[in-house]
Protein backbone atom coordinates (compact mmCIF):
# COMPACT_ATOMS: atom_id res chain seq x y z
CA MET A 1 -88.63 -24.92 10.47
CA ARG A 2 -90.74 -27.30 12.56
CA ALA A 3 -91.34 -24.53 15.12
CA CYS A 4 -92.34 -22.14 12.33
CA ALA A 5 -94.77 -24.61 10.79
CA ALA A 6 -96.34 -25.37 14.17
CA VAL A 7 -96.99 -21.68 14.86
CA VAL A 8 -98.49 -21.09 11.40
CA ALA A 9 -100.77 -24.08 11.86
CA SER A 10 -101.83 -23.07 15.36
CA GLY A 11 -103.63 -19.87 14.47
CA HIS A 12 -102.05 -18.12 17.49
CA TYR A 13 -99.74 -15.29 16.41
CA VAL A 14 -99.63 -12.65 19.19
CA LEU A 15 -99.49 -13.27 22.98
CA GLY A 16 -100.27 -16.93 22.50
CA PRO A 17 -99.05 -20.17 24.08
CA ASN A 18 -95.44 -19.92 22.86
CA VAL A 19 -95.03 -16.46 24.35
CA LYS A 20 -96.45 -17.64 27.66
CA ALA A 21 -94.25 -20.75 27.65
CA PHE A 22 -91.08 -18.86 26.70
CA GLU A 23 -91.68 -16.29 29.42
CA SER A 24 -92.02 -19.06 31.98
CA GLU A 25 -88.96 -20.94 30.70
CA PHE A 26 -86.73 -17.88 30.50
CA ALA A 27 -87.76 -16.69 33.97
CA ALA A 28 -86.87 -20.13 35.36
CA TYR A 29 -83.55 -20.11 33.49
CA CYS A 30 -82.65 -16.69 34.96
CA GLY A 31 -83.83 -17.65 38.45
CA VAL A 32 -86.63 -15.09 38.78
CA SER A 33 -90.39 -15.24 39.17
CA ASP A 34 -91.53 -13.25 36.12
CA CYS A 35 -90.56 -12.56 32.53
CA VAL A 36 -92.52 -10.10 30.38
CA SER A 37 -91.59 -10.20 26.70
CA VAL A 38 -91.67 -7.11 24.48
CA ALA A 39 -90.88 -6.15 20.89
CA ASN A 40 -87.15 -5.38 21.24
CA GLY A 41 -84.35 -4.72 23.69
CA THR A 42 -84.56 -0.93 23.56
CA GLU A 43 -88.22 -0.98 24.55
CA ALA A 44 -87.36 -3.52 27.23
CA LEU A 45 -85.02 -0.91 28.70
CA GLU A 46 -87.54 1.93 28.47
CA LEU A 47 -90.61 0.05 29.64
CA GLY A 48 -88.54 -1.58 32.37
CA LEU A 49 -87.51 1.84 33.66
CA ARG A 50 -91.09 3.08 33.47
CA SER A 51 -92.25 0.03 35.42
CA ILE A 52 -90.02 0.98 38.37
CA GLY A 53 -91.26 4.58 38.38
CA ILE A 54 -88.70 6.41 36.24
CA CYS A 55 -90.28 9.54 34.79
CA GLN A 56 -89.69 13.25 34.39
CA GLY A 57 -87.60 14.69 37.20
CA LYS A 58 -85.88 11.38 38.06
CA ARG A 59 -82.10 10.98 37.84
CA VAL A 60 -80.71 7.74 36.40
CA ALA A 61 -77.00 6.91 36.56
CA LEU A 62 -75.38 4.78 33.86
CA VAL A 63 -72.19 4.28 31.87
CA ALA A 64 -71.52 6.17 28.65
CA ASN A 65 -69.69 3.44 26.69
CA ALA A 66 -72.65 1.28 25.68
CA ALA A 67 -73.87 2.83 22.42
CA MET A 68 -76.65 5.09 23.76
CA TYR A 69 -79.16 2.29 24.35
CA GLY A 70 -79.59 2.96 28.05
CA THR A 71 -79.34 6.70 27.56
CA THR A 72 -82.03 6.57 24.86
CA ALA A 73 -84.34 4.79 27.29
CA VAL A 74 -83.68 7.32 30.05
CA LEU A 75 -84.42 10.20 27.68
CA ALA A 76 -87.61 8.47 26.47
CA CYS A 77 -88.78 8.48 30.10
CA ALA A 78 -88.02 12.25 30.25
CA ALA A 79 -85.51 11.51 33.03
CA GLU A 80 -82.00 12.91 33.44
CA PRO A 81 -78.98 10.71 32.57
CA VAL A 82 -76.09 10.91 35.04
CA PHE A 83 -72.95 9.42 33.54
CA VAL A 84 -70.49 7.30 35.53
CA ASP A 85 -66.98 6.29 34.48
CA ILE A 86 -65.88 2.69 33.97
CA ASP A 87 -63.32 0.24 35.29
CA PRO A 88 -60.24 0.38 33.01
CA SER A 89 -59.68 -3.38 33.09
CA CYS A 90 -63.14 -4.68 32.18
CA HIS A 91 -65.05 -1.56 30.99
CA THR A 92 -68.09 -2.18 33.18
CA LEU A 93 -69.28 0.46 35.65
CA SER A 94 -66.71 1.46 38.28
CA PRO A 95 -68.15 1.34 41.82
CA LYS A 96 -65.55 3.91 42.91
CA ALA A 97 -66.65 6.27 40.15
CA LEU A 98 -70.28 5.70 41.16
CA GLU A 99 -69.46 6.54 44.74
CA ALA A 100 -67.87 9.80 43.57
CA VAL A 101 -71.01 10.64 41.57
CA LEU A 102 -73.22 9.88 44.58
CA ALA A 103 -71.18 12.33 46.64
CA THR A 104 -72.40 15.11 44.33
CA GLY A 105 -76.11 14.31 44.72
CA PRO A 106 -78.69 11.50 44.94
CA ILE A 107 -79.91 9.33 42.09
CA ASP A 108 -83.20 7.50 41.74
CA ALA A 109 -81.94 4.50 39.79
CA LEU A 110 -78.84 2.96 38.27
CA ILE A 111 -78.66 1.05 34.99
CA VAL A 112 -75.94 -1.59 35.30
CA THR A 113 -74.79 -2.72 31.86
CA HIS A 114 -73.09 -6.12 31.81
CA LEU A 115 -70.98 -4.99 28.88
CA TYR A 116 -69.52 -7.44 26.36
CA GLY A 117 -71.17 -10.28 28.31
CA ARG A 118 -69.29 -9.71 31.58
CA LEU A 119 -71.06 -9.34 34.92
CA ALA A 120 -70.41 -5.98 36.56
CA ASP A 121 -69.24 -5.84 40.17
CA MET A 122 -72.70 -6.46 41.58
CA ARG A 123 -71.61 -6.98 45.19
CA SER A 124 -70.14 -3.48 45.40
CA ILE A 125 -72.96 -1.92 43.41
CA LEU A 126 -75.69 -3.48 45.56
CA ALA A 127 -73.89 -2.34 48.71
CA LEU A 128 -73.98 1.23 47.39
CA ALA A 129 -77.65 0.84 46.49
CA ASP A 130 -78.45 -0.29 50.03
CA LYS A 131 -76.50 2.63 51.47
CA HIS A 132 -77.92 5.34 49.21
CA GLY A 133 -81.39 3.99 48.49
CA PHE A 134 -81.50 3.85 44.69
CA ALA A 135 -83.02 1.14 42.49
CA VAL A 136 -80.75 -1.15 40.46
CA PHE A 137 -81.88 -2.01 36.93
CA GLU A 138 -79.73 -4.43 34.92
CA ASP A 139 -79.12 -4.15 31.18
CA CYS A 140 -78.41 -7.76 30.18
CA ALA A 141 -78.64 -7.36 26.41
CA GLN A 142 -75.14 -8.84 26.03
CA ALA A 143 -75.09 -11.17 29.03
CA HIS A 144 -77.69 -13.94 28.64
CA GLY A 145 -76.63 -16.72 30.98
CA ALA A 146 -73.69 -15.03 32.71
CA ARG A 147 -73.52 -16.05 36.37
CA ASP A 148 -71.43 -15.42 39.45
CA ALA A 149 -69.59 -17.97 41.57
CA SER A 150 -72.78 -18.82 43.47
CA GLY A 151 -74.65 -19.52 40.23
CA ARG A 152 -76.77 -16.38 40.35
CA ARG A 153 -77.50 -15.28 36.80
CA ALA A 154 -77.43 -11.87 35.15
CA GLY A 155 -80.77 -10.16 35.61
CA SER A 156 -81.55 -11.60 39.03
CA PHE A 157 -79.68 -9.01 41.12
CA GLY A 158 -81.69 -5.81 40.66
CA ILE A 159 -85.36 -4.90 40.89
CA ALA A 160 -85.68 -5.68 37.16
CA ALA A 161 -83.53 -6.37 34.11
CA SER A 162 -83.85 -6.01 30.36
CA PHE A 163 -82.75 -8.37 27.60
CA SER A 164 -82.48 -8.08 23.84
CA PHE A 165 -83.04 -11.05 21.53
CA TYR A 166 -81.66 -9.35 18.42
CA PRO A 167 -80.22 -12.08 16.12
CA THR A 168 -76.57 -11.36 17.02
CA LYS A 169 -77.13 -11.78 20.78
CA ASN A 170 -76.04 -14.88 22.70
CA LEU A 171 -79.71 -15.85 22.69
CA GLY A 172 -81.05 -14.35 19.47
CA ALA A 173 -84.34 -14.63 17.65
CA LEU A 174 -84.80 -14.57 13.87
CA GLY A 175 -85.84 -10.93 14.14
CA ASP A 176 -86.33 -8.39 16.91
CA GLY A 177 -87.41 -9.27 20.43
CA GLY A 178 -86.82 -8.33 24.04
CA ALA A 179 -87.91 -9.04 27.61
CA VAL A 180 -87.85 -7.70 31.14
CA ILE A 181 -87.42 -10.05 34.10
CA THR A 182 -88.19 -9.31 37.75
CA ASN A 183 -89.02 -10.81 41.12
CA ASP A 184 -91.47 -8.00 41.86
CA PRO A 185 -95.08 -8.92 40.92
CA GLN A 186 -96.14 -5.27 40.80
CA VAL A 187 -93.36 -4.45 38.32
CA ALA A 188 -94.39 -7.43 36.19
CA ASP A 189 -98.05 -6.38 36.26
CA THR A 190 -97.14 -2.84 35.21
CA LEU A 191 -95.00 -4.16 32.36
CA ARG A 192 -97.80 -6.33 31.00
CA LYS A 193 -100.01 -3.25 30.85
CA LEU A 194 -97.34 -1.01 29.33
CA ARG A 195 -96.56 -3.45 26.51
CA GLN A 196 -100.23 -3.39 25.47
CA TYR A 197 -101.00 0.34 25.16
CA GLY A 198 -101.12 0.93 28.91
CA TRP A 199 -104.43 -0.91 29.11
CA THR A 200 -105.82 -1.84 32.50
CA ALA A 201 -108.74 -3.40 30.65
CA LYS A 202 -109.39 -3.73 26.92
CA TYR A 203 -109.54 -0.26 25.34
CA ARG A 204 -109.09 1.41 28.75
CA ASN A 205 -105.76 3.28 28.76
CA GLU A 206 -104.61 4.31 32.21
CA LEU A 207 -100.81 4.09 32.19
CA PRO A 208 -98.75 6.77 30.43
CA GLY A 209 -95.93 5.50 28.23
CA GLY A 210 -97.75 2.39 27.04
CA ARG A 211 -97.52 1.20 23.45
CA ASN A 212 -97.79 -1.85 21.21
CA SER A 213 -94.63 -3.74 22.20
CA ARG A 214 -95.17 -7.47 22.02
CA LEU A 215 -92.98 -10.45 21.20
CA ASP A 216 -94.78 -12.43 18.50
CA GLU A 217 -95.51 -16.14 18.69
CA LEU A 218 -93.07 -17.03 15.92
CA GLN A 219 -90.08 -15.41 17.65
CA ALA A 220 -91.09 -16.96 20.97
CA ALA A 221 -91.15 -20.38 19.33
CA PHE A 222 -87.66 -19.82 17.88
CA LEU A 223 -86.36 -18.66 21.27
CA ARG A 224 -87.85 -21.71 23.00
CA THR A 225 -86.01 -23.91 20.50
CA MET A 226 -82.70 -22.16 21.16
CA LEU A 227 -82.83 -21.58 24.92
CA PRO A 228 -81.70 -25.15 25.79
CA LEU A 229 -78.64 -24.57 23.57
CA LEU A 230 -77.60 -21.28 25.20
CA ASP A 231 -75.25 -22.62 27.87
CA GLY A 232 -73.39 -24.71 25.29
CA TRP A 233 -73.04 -21.74 22.98
CA ASN A 234 -71.79 -19.59 25.86
CA ALA A 235 -69.22 -22.23 26.79
CA ARG A 236 -67.91 -22.26 23.21
CA ARG A 237 -67.71 -18.45 23.14
CA ARG A 238 -65.81 -18.47 26.43
CA GLU A 239 -63.45 -21.20 25.18
CA ILE A 240 -62.52 -19.06 22.17
CA ALA A 241 -62.16 -15.90 24.29
CA ASN A 242 -59.92 -17.57 26.86
CA ARG A 243 -57.78 -19.03 24.10
CA TYR A 244 -57.33 -15.55 22.64
CA SER A 245 -56.35 -14.22 26.07
CA ARG A 246 -53.77 -16.96 26.54
CA GLU A 247 -52.29 -17.04 23.05
CA ILE A 248 -52.34 -13.45 21.77
CA ARG A 249 -48.90 -12.29 22.81
CA ASN A 250 -48.24 -8.86 21.41
CA GLU A 251 -47.19 -6.02 23.70
CA ARG A 252 -49.11 -3.59 21.49
CA ILE A 253 -52.41 -5.40 22.15
CA GLN A 254 -53.93 -5.51 25.63
CA VAL A 255 -56.19 -8.54 26.05
CA PRO A 256 -58.74 -9.18 28.82
CA SER A 257 -57.92 -11.73 31.50
CA THR A 258 -59.16 -15.30 31.20
CA SER A 259 -62.60 -15.72 32.72
CA GLY A 260 -65.11 -18.13 34.16
CA GLU A 261 -68.89 -18.20 33.88
CA GLU A 262 -69.20 -14.53 34.86
CA TYR A 263 -68.31 -13.85 31.21
CA VAL A 264 -70.31 -15.21 28.27
CA ALA A 265 -68.09 -13.59 25.63
CA HIS A 266 -70.77 -11.78 23.68
CA LEU A 267 -67.90 -9.65 22.41
CA TYR A 268 -64.16 -10.18 22.74
CA VAL A 269 -62.65 -6.72 23.02
CA VAL A 270 -58.97 -5.81 23.12
CA GLN A 271 -57.32 -2.42 23.60
CA VAL A 272 -54.75 -1.10 21.15
CA SER A 273 -53.33 2.39 20.70
CA ASP A 274 -53.05 2.05 16.90
CA ARG A 275 -56.56 0.80 16.28
CA ALA A 276 -56.72 1.81 12.65
CA GLY A 277 -53.40 0.12 12.00
CA LEU A 278 -54.48 -3.14 13.59
CA GLN A 279 -57.79 -3.10 11.74
CA GLN A 280 -56.00 -2.63 8.44
CA HIS A 281 -53.54 -5.40 9.28
CA LEU A 282 -56.34 -7.81 10.25
CA ALA A 283 -58.32 -7.01 7.12
CA GLY A 284 -55.25 -7.83 5.04
CA ALA A 285 -55.14 -11.21 6.78
CA GLY A 286 -58.84 -11.83 6.07
CA VAL A 287 -59.90 -11.24 9.69
CA GLY A 288 -62.88 -9.02 10.45
CA SER A 289 -63.05 -6.55 13.33
CA ASP A 290 -65.35 -3.86 14.68
CA VAL A 291 -65.45 -1.10 17.29
CA HIS A 292 -67.79 -1.39 20.30
CA TYR A 293 -68.12 1.56 20.83
CA PRO A 294 -66.38 4.61 19.29
CA ILE A 295 -68.35 7.54 20.80
CA GLY A 296 -69.26 8.04 24.45
CA ASP A 297 -72.92 8.87 25.06
CA HIS A 298 -71.97 12.18 26.67
CA ARG A 299 -70.16 13.18 23.45
CA GLN A 300 -72.91 12.22 21.00
CA PRO A 301 -73.75 15.10 18.61
CA LEU A 302 -77.43 15.30 19.61
CA PHE A 303 -76.40 16.66 23.03
CA HIS A 304 -74.33 19.56 21.68
CA ASP A 305 -72.78 21.08 24.84
CA ARG A 306 -75.24 19.62 27.34
CA PHE A 307 -72.58 17.41 28.97
CA ILE A 308 -69.54 19.51 28.11
CA SER A 309 -68.39 19.53 31.75
CA THR A 310 -68.83 15.75 32.22
CA ASP A 311 -65.39 14.22 32.68
CA LEU A 312 -65.09 10.49 31.97
CA PRO A 313 -61.40 9.90 31.22
CA VAL A 314 -61.47 6.08 31.28
CA THR A 315 -64.56 5.97 29.06
CA GLU A 316 -63.05 8.37 26.56
CA ALA A 317 -59.78 6.44 26.45
CA ALA A 318 -61.67 3.21 25.83
CA CYS A 319 -63.70 4.74 23.02
CA GLY A 320 -60.41 5.55 21.33
CA ASN A 321 -58.68 2.19 21.64
CA VAL A 322 -61.17 -0.71 21.87
CA LEU A 323 -61.36 -3.24 19.05
CA THR A 324 -63.57 -6.32 18.78
CA LEU A 325 -62.20 -9.60 17.40
CA PRO A 326 -64.34 -12.43 15.97
CA CYS A 327 -65.90 -14.54 18.74
CA PHE A 328 -69.02 -16.63 18.15
CA PRO A 329 -69.95 -20.29 18.68
CA GLU A 330 -69.58 -21.32 15.04
CA LEU A 331 -65.98 -20.04 14.80
CA THR A 332 -63.72 -23.02 14.11
CA ASN A 333 -60.46 -23.74 15.91
CA ASP A 334 -58.54 -23.09 12.68
CA GLU A 335 -60.27 -19.74 12.25
CA ALA A 336 -59.43 -18.79 15.84
CA THR A 337 -55.81 -19.71 15.12
CA ARG A 338 -55.85 -17.34 12.12
CA VAL A 339 -57.07 -14.52 14.37
CA ILE A 340 -54.33 -15.22 16.94
CA LEU A 341 -51.55 -15.41 14.36
CA ALA A 342 -52.72 -12.20 12.67
CA CYS A 343 -52.69 -10.37 16.02
CA ASN A 344 -49.27 -11.71 16.95
CA ASP A 345 -47.88 -10.66 13.54
CA PHE A 346 -49.01 -7.05 14.01
């Protein structure tokens, strides 16, 4: 409320001092030189792709189990999505599957989605990028603060990375918001123009694909208030997730392995063959659940038969058996116990 009152009193509402300060603070947090904030995570994906030269005729590889967000951005750039299967254990992109796709033809860029808050296998992916010469763009909408053993954070591996600050994210605003981070000053300069109509000077539109996509001062102020709390929130999420992985003991429910800081537990996702049965059982015990995500991008109705020959067996299996359990910082230990007991009673 203090942040809100300060913004209202300041008279700065769009691209003001809070936006500038948040961009600087978030870039420093992620370990990169530049952060360019935008209106939401989906536009962060699209404008980020445009800033690295993705346009009509380009081919962009990505997974198909992440709710169409990346695919929507690729299509908005008039580029061609090339779907890659996932690792069965963690559901992030499989480097082996990517290598198989690369054997069929080149790609211009790869969107790496750190799904559920877990870092993808960046060492293997970057090695393939070096070998085949494609750009790596990270989708970090679910992975704010995730870092590898060396301390390198999500978003600092590729040429650029997008974030969403939707309220349910690990770092969420009180409305929509997004950002792209990068170590490339040219990419950052292009992004700043794209988010403001494609202007190179006021009222001079030179860049195609530009629009009004700006994080407002109020949301930036809220995000600045919450950023110092993010690592603590992530630690609590991970504590709950690791407890689930240790204490859910039901041969019908496959849980992820316990994890370190490479996982910020945006979502805690199990695999179960009788998903509907488990959901019904959990609901009867007063435990909520959800499915992230039930339809692969390549099987979405808007495509009709466009990707009929695309074979992604691990993705399709996951779409049929994943189930998300409650995992958020405010969850109490007693509530986590209720979730565990309900799963073990199934």
